Amino acid sequence: MKIKLIERNGKKFFVYHTSRQICKQDLLDIVYFERVGRRIRMYSLKSGDEEIYGSLAELYELLKGERFEYVNQSVIVNFDHITNVRNNYVKMSDGSNVEISRSKKRNVIDGFFDILN
């Protein structure tokens, strides 16, 4: 099964596969995705962190129109969950700090200001 987005009753859900099950997660609850070795770890407000199957590139293609962006080559964040940008890090709503690569910094700052406006 591939990862995908579905919409039910006006809400968007991310459907994914773990080692033992197929799950759905409210898109608004997802804080960020991180590549860890050959797996992807999803961090969400309600379910914590979970390893999922798929590629980061595949995730980005699916989520780029939903305010998700790369902040470095291993992490895609949900811009709705960025609380502040400081130096080379973004602070996320779950309290975690994620490093921003130099090549992505301008895009991250611009995207963060777009959401604030």
N, C-alpha and C. Protein backbone atom coordinates (compact mmCIF):
# COMPACT_ATOMS: atom_id res chain seq x y z
N MET A 1 0.83 -1.19 0.00
CA MET A 1 0.00 0.00 0.00
C MET A 1 0.88 1.25 0.00
N LYS A 2 0.50 2.22 -0.77
CA LYS A 2 1.22 3.48 -0.81
C LYS A 2 0.62 4.45 0.20
N ILE A 3 1.43 5.45 0.55
CA ILE A 3 0.92 6.52 1.39
C ILE A 3 0.00 7.39 0.55
N LYS A 4 -0.99 8.00 1.19
CA LYS A 4 -1.89 8.88 0.44
C LYS A 4 -2.63 9.82 1.38
N LEU A 5 -3.25 10.81 0.79
CA LEU A 5 -4.11 11.74 1.50
C LEU A 5 -5.55 11.43 1.15
N ILE A 6 -6.41 11.46 2.15
CA ILE A 6 -7.84 11.32 1.90
C ILE A 6 -8.55 12.46 2.60
N GLU A 7 -9.74 12.78 2.13
CA GLU A 7 -10.53 13.82 2.76
C GLU A 7 -11.88 13.25 3.16
N ARG A 8 -12.24 13.45 4.41
CA ARG A 8 -13.52 12.99 4.94
C ARG A 8 -14.15 14.12 5.75
N ASN A 9 -15.37 14.47 5.42
CA ASN A 9 -16.10 15.50 6.16
C ASN A 9 -15.30 16.79 6.31
N GLY A 10 -14.62 17.20 5.26
CA GLY A 10 -13.87 18.44 5.28
C GLY A 10 -12.52 18.38 5.97
N LYS A 11 -12.13 17.23 6.51
CA LYS A 11 -10.83 17.07 7.17
C LYS A 11 -9.93 16.21 6.29
N LYS A 12 -8.64 16.53 6.29
CA LYS A 12 -7.68 15.75 5.52
C LYS A 12 -6.93 14.80 6.44
N PHE A 13 -6.75 13.59 5.95
CA PHE A 13 -6.05 12.55 6.70
C PHE A 13 -4.89 12.00 5.88
N PHE A 14 -3.83 11.67 6.56
CA PHE A 14 -2.66 11.04 5.97
C PHE A 14 -2.78 9.54 6.26
N VAL A 15 -2.80 8.73 5.22
CA VAL A 15 -2.92 7.27 5.37
C VAL A 15 -1.55 6.67 5.10
N TYR A 16 -1.09 5.81 6.01
CA TYR A 16 0.26 5.26 5.93
C TYR A 16 0.30 3.83 6.45
N HIS A 17 1.43 3.19 6.20
CA HIS A 17 1.63 1.80 6.57
C HIS A 17 2.80 1.71 7.55
N THR A 18 2.57 1.04 8.67
CA THR A 18 3.66 0.75 9.62
C THR A 18 4.02 -0.72 9.46
N SER A 19 4.85 -1.22 10.34
CA SER A 19 5.27 -2.62 10.23
C SER A 19 4.11 -3.59 10.42
N ARG A 20 3.08 -3.19 11.12
CA ARG A 20 1.99 -4.13 11.43
C ARG A 20 0.59 -3.68 11.04
N GLN A 21 0.45 -2.45 10.62
CA GLN A 21 -0.90 -1.98 10.37
C GLN A 21 -0.95 -0.83 9.36
N ILE A 22 -2.15 -0.56 8.90
CA ILE A 22 -2.42 0.60 8.06
C ILE A 22 -3.16 1.59 8.94
N CYS A 23 -2.70 2.84 8.97
CA CYS A 23 -3.25 3.84 9.88
C CYS A 23 -3.63 5.11 9.14
N LYS A 24 -4.44 5.93 9.80
CA LYS A 24 -4.72 7.26 9.29
C LYS A 24 -4.49 8.26 10.42
N GLN A 25 -3.98 9.42 10.04
CA GLN A 25 -3.64 10.47 11.00
C GLN A 25 -4.18 11.79 10.48
N ASP A 26 -4.83 12.55 11.32
CA ASP A 26 -5.30 13.88 10.94
C ASP A 26 -4.08 14.70 10.52
N LEU A 27 -4.13 15.27 9.34
CA LEU A 27 -3.01 16.02 8.79
C LEU A 27 -2.61 17.19 9.69
N LEU A 28 -3.57 17.80 10.35
CA LEU A 28 -3.29 18.94 11.22
C LEU A 28 -2.47 18.57 12.45
N ASP A 29 -2.49 17.30 12.84
CA ASP A 29 -1.76 16.85 14.03
C ASP A 29 -0.30 16.50 13.74
N ILE A 30 0.06 16.37 12.47
CA ILE A 30 1.43 15.97 12.13
C ILE A 30 2.35 17.18 12.26
N VAL A 31 3.41 17.02 13.06
CA VAL A 31 4.36 18.11 13.31
C VAL A 31 5.47 18.07 12.26
N TYR A 32 6.12 16.91 12.09
CA TYR A 32 7.15 16.78 11.05
C TYR A 32 7.48 15.32 10.78
N PHE A 33 8.21 15.11 9.68
CA PHE A 33 8.71 13.80 9.27
C PHE A 33 10.23 13.88 9.23
N GLU A 34 10.88 12.81 9.66
CA GLU A 34 12.34 12.77 9.67
C GLU A 34 12.83 11.44 9.12
N ARG A 35 13.80 11.49 8.22
CA ARG A 35 14.40 10.25 7.72
C ARG A 35 15.41 9.78 8.77
N VAL A 36 15.24 8.53 9.19
CA VAL A 36 16.14 7.92 10.15
C VAL A 36 16.63 6.62 9.52
N GLY A 37 17.84 6.64 8.98
CA GLY A 37 18.34 5.48 8.25
C GLY A 37 17.49 5.25 7.01
N ARG A 38 16.91 4.07 6.92
CA ARG A 38 16.09 3.74 5.75
C ARG A 38 14.60 3.89 6.02
N ARG A 39 14.26 4.38 7.19
CA ARG A 39 12.86 4.55 7.57
C ARG A 39 12.53 6.03 7.73
N ILE A 40 11.25 6.30 7.86
CA ILE A 40 10.79 7.66 8.12
C ILE A 40 10.06 7.64 9.46
N ARG A 41 10.40 8.60 10.29
CA ARG A 41 9.72 8.74 11.56
C ARG A 41 8.79 9.94 11.45
N MET A 42 7.53 9.71 11.81
CA MET A 42 6.52 10.76 11.81
C MET A 42 6.29 11.18 13.26
N TYR A 43 6.32 12.49 13.50
CA TYR A 43 6.05 13.03 14.83
C TYR A 43 4.70 13.74 14.78
N SER A 44 3.79 13.36 15.67
CA SER A 44 2.48 14.00 15.69
C SER A 44 2.10 14.32 17.13
N LEU A 45 1.18 15.26 17.27
CA LEU A 45 0.75 15.69 18.60
C LEU A 45 -0.02 14.60 19.32
N LYS A 46 -0.85 13.86 18.61
CA LYS A 46 -1.71 12.88 19.27
C LYS A 46 -1.09 11.51 19.44
N SER A 47 -0.32 11.05 18.44
CA SER A 47 0.19 9.68 18.52
C SER A 47 1.68 9.60 18.79
N GLY A 48 2.33 10.73 19.07
CA GLY A 48 3.77 10.70 19.34
C GLY A 48 4.55 10.45 18.07
N ASP A 49 5.58 9.59 18.17
CA ASP A 49 6.36 9.28 16.97
C ASP A 49 6.12 7.85 16.53
N GLU A 50 6.15 7.67 15.23
CA GLU A 50 5.88 6.37 14.64
C GLU A 50 6.73 6.19 13.39
N GLU A 51 7.27 4.99 13.21
CA GLU A 51 8.02 4.69 11.98
C GLU A 51 7.05 4.25 10.91
N ILE A 52 7.23 4.83 9.73
CA ILE A 52 6.35 4.49 8.62
C ILE A 52 7.19 4.09 7.41
N TYR A 53 6.53 3.43 6.47
CA TYR A 53 7.18 3.01 5.24
C TYR A 53 6.92 4.05 4.16
N GLY A 54 7.91 4.26 3.32
CA GLY A 54 7.81 5.21 2.22
C GLY A 54 9.11 5.98 2.10
N SER A 55 9.16 6.88 1.15
CA SER A 55 10.36 7.70 0.98
C SER A 55 10.01 9.15 1.30
N LEU A 56 11.01 9.90 1.72
CA LEU A 56 10.80 11.31 2.02
C LEU A 56 10.39 12.07 0.76
N ALA A 57 10.97 11.72 -0.37
CA ALA A 57 10.62 12.38 -1.64
C ALA A 57 9.15 12.12 -1.98
N GLU A 58 8.68 10.90 -1.77
CA GLU A 58 7.29 10.55 -2.02
C GLU A 58 6.37 11.34 -1.08
N LEU A 59 6.76 11.46 0.18
CA LEU A 59 5.99 12.25 1.14
C LEU A 59 5.90 13.70 0.71
N TYR A 60 7.03 14.26 0.30
CA TYR A 60 7.04 15.67 -0.09
C TYR A 60 6.12 15.91 -1.29
N GLU A 61 6.16 15.04 -2.27
CA GLU A 61 5.29 15.20 -3.44
C GLU A 61 3.82 15.18 -3.03
N LEU A 62 3.49 14.37 -2.05
CA LEU A 62 2.13 14.25 -1.57
C LEU A 62 1.70 15.48 -0.74
N LEU A 63 2.62 16.02 0.05
CA LEU A 63 2.28 17.03 1.05
C LEU A 63 2.69 18.46 0.71
N LYS A 64 3.39 18.69 -0.39
CA LYS A 64 3.92 20.03 -0.65
C LYS A 64 2.84 21.09 -0.79
N GLY A 65 1.67 20.75 -1.19
CA GLY A 65 0.57 21.72 -1.28
C GLY A 65 -0.19 21.90 0.02
N GLU A 66 0.27 21.23 1.07
CA GLU A 66 -0.43 21.26 2.37
C GLU A 66 0.39 21.97 3.44
N ARG A 67 1.29 22.87 3.05
CA ARG A 67 2.15 23.65 3.95
C ARG A 67 3.21 22.82 4.66
N PHE A 68 3.66 21.77 3.99
CA PHE A 68 4.81 20.99 4.45
C PHE A 68 5.99 21.33 3.55
N GLU A 69 7.17 21.52 4.15
CA GLU A 69 8.37 21.86 3.38
C GLU A 69 9.60 21.23 4.00
N TYR A 70 10.58 20.98 3.15
CA TYR A 70 11.89 20.54 3.64
C TYR A 70 12.55 21.69 4.40
N VAL A 71 13.17 21.38 5.55
CA VAL A 71 14.04 22.36 6.22
C VAL A 71 15.49 21.93 6.12
N ASN A 72 15.71 20.67 5.82
CA ASN A 72 17.02 20.13 5.48
C ASN A 72 16.77 18.86 4.69
N GLN A 73 17.81 18.17 4.26
CA GLN A 73 17.59 17.02 3.37
C GLN A 73 16.93 15.82 4.05
N SER A 74 16.83 15.84 5.38
CA SER A 74 16.28 14.71 6.11
C SER A 74 14.97 15.00 6.83
N VAL A 75 14.48 16.24 6.77
CA VAL A 75 13.30 16.60 7.56
C VAL A 75 12.33 17.45 6.74
N ILE A 76 11.04 17.07 6.82
CA ILE A 76 9.95 17.85 6.24
C ILE A 76 9.07 18.28 7.41
N VAL A 77 8.83 19.60 7.55
CA VAL A 77 8.04 20.10 8.67
C VAL A 77 6.69 20.63 8.19
N ASN A 78 5.75 20.63 9.12
CA ASN A 78 4.45 21.25 8.91
C ASN A 78 4.58 22.69 9.38
N PHE A 79 4.49 23.65 8.46
CA PHE A 79 4.68 25.05 8.81
C PHE A 79 3.68 25.54 9.84
N ASP A 80 2.53 24.90 9.95
CA ASP A 80 1.54 25.29 10.95
C ASP A 80 2.03 25.01 12.37
N HIS A 81 3.05 24.17 12.51
CA HIS A 81 3.56 23.81 13.83
C HIS A 81 4.88 24.48 14.19
N ILE A 82 5.37 25.37 13.34
CA ILE A 82 6.58 26.13 13.68
C ILE A 82 6.17 27.25 14.63
N THR A 83 6.82 27.30 15.80
CA THR A 83 6.51 28.37 16.76
C THR A 83 7.49 29.52 16.66
N ASN A 84 8.75 29.25 16.30
CA ASN A 84 9.70 30.32 16.05
C ASN A 84 10.88 29.81 15.25
N VAL A 85 11.57 30.77 14.63
CA VAL A 85 12.78 30.48 13.86
C VAL A 85 13.91 31.25 14.53
N ARG A 86 14.96 30.54 14.88
CA ARG A 86 16.08 31.19 15.56
C ARG A 86 17.39 30.62 15.05
N ASN A 87 18.25 31.51 14.58
CA ASN A 87 19.53 31.12 14.02
C ASN A 87 19.32 30.05 12.96
N ASN A 88 19.80 28.84 13.19
CA ASN A 88 19.67 27.77 12.20
C ASN A 88 18.70 26.68 12.64
N TYR A 89 17.71 27.04 13.46
CA TYR A 89 16.75 26.06 13.97
C TYR A 89 15.34 26.60 13.89
N VAL A 90 14.39 25.66 13.74
CA VAL A 90 12.98 26.00 13.92
C VAL A 90 12.54 25.27 15.18
N LYS A 91 11.75 25.95 15.98
CA LYS A 91 11.16 25.32 17.16
C LYS A 91 9.75 24.90 16.78
N MET A 92 9.43 23.65 17.08
CA MET A 92 8.14 23.10 16.70
C MET A 92 7.18 23.13 17.89
N SER A 93 5.89 22.98 17.63
CA SER A 93 4.87 23.07 18.68
C SER A 93 4.99 21.96 19.72
N ASP A 94 5.70 20.87 19.39
CA ASP A 94 5.90 19.80 20.38
C ASP A 94 7.15 20.04 21.23
N GLY A 95 7.82 21.18 21.02
CA GLY A 95 9.00 21.53 21.80
C GLY A 95 10.32 21.14 21.17
N SER A 96 10.29 20.39 20.09
CA SER A 96 11.53 19.94 19.46
C SER A 96 12.14 21.07 18.62
N ASN A 97 13.46 21.02 18.47
CA ASN A 97 14.20 21.94 17.62
C ASN A 97 14.72 21.17 16.42
N VAL A 98 14.50 21.71 15.24
CA VAL A 98 14.93 21.05 14.01
C VAL A 98 15.89 21.99 13.28
N GLU A 99 17.02 21.45 12.88
CA GLU A 99 18.03 22.25 12.20
C GLU A 99 17.60 22.61 10.78
N ILE A 100 17.88 23.86 10.39
CA ILE A 100 17.60 24.33 9.04
C ILE A 100 18.92 24.35 8.27
N SER A 101 18.94 23.81 7.07
CA SER A 101 20.15 23.89 6.25
C SER A 101 20.28 25.30 5.71
N ARG A 102 21.50 25.69 5.39
CA ARG A 102 21.72 27.04 4.86
C ARG A 102 20.95 27.28 3.57
N SER A 103 20.87 26.25 2.74
CA SER A 103 20.19 26.42 1.45
C SER A 103 18.67 26.58 1.60
N LYS A 104 18.11 26.14 2.71
CA LYS A 104 16.66 26.22 2.93
C LYS A 104 16.24 27.36 3.84
N LYS A 105 17.19 28.02 4.47
CA LYS A 105 16.87 29.00 5.50
C LYS A 105 15.98 30.13 4.99
N ARG A 106 16.29 30.73 3.86
CA ARG A 106 15.49 31.83 3.33
C ARG A 106 14.05 31.38 3.06
N ASN A 107 13.87 30.20 2.46
CA ASN A 107 12.53 29.67 2.18
C ASN A 107 11.75 29.42 3.47
N VAL A 108 12.43 28.90 4.49
CA VAL A 108 11.77 28.63 5.77
C VAL A 108 11.32 29.94 6.41
N ILE A 109 12.18 30.93 6.45
CA ILE A 109 11.83 32.22 7.05
C ILE A 109 10.67 32.87 6.28
N ASP A 110 10.75 32.86 4.95
CA ASP A 110 9.68 33.44 4.14
C ASP A 110 8.36 32.70 4.36
N GLY A 111 8.41 31.37 4.39
CA GLY A 111 7.20 30.58 4.61
C GLY A 111 6.60 30.81 5.98
N PHE A 112 7.45 30.96 6.99
CA PHE A 112 6.97 31.22 8.35
C PHE A 112 6.28 32.58 8.41
N PHE A 113 6.87 33.60 7.78
CA PHE A 113 6.24 34.92 7.77
C PHE A 113 4.93 34.90 6.98
N ASP A 114 4.85 34.13 5.92
CA ASP A 114 3.60 34.01 5.15
C ASP A 114 2.48 33.48 6.03
N ILE A 115 2.77 32.51 6.88
CA ILE A 115 1.75 31.94 7.75
C ILE A 115 1.33 32.93 8.82
N LEU A 116 2.27 33.74 9.30
CA LEU A 116 1.95 34.74 10.31
C LEU A 116 1.05 35.84 9.78
N ASN A 117 1.14 36.09 8.47
CA ASN A 117 0.31 37.16 7.87
C ASN A 117 -1.00 36.63 7.49
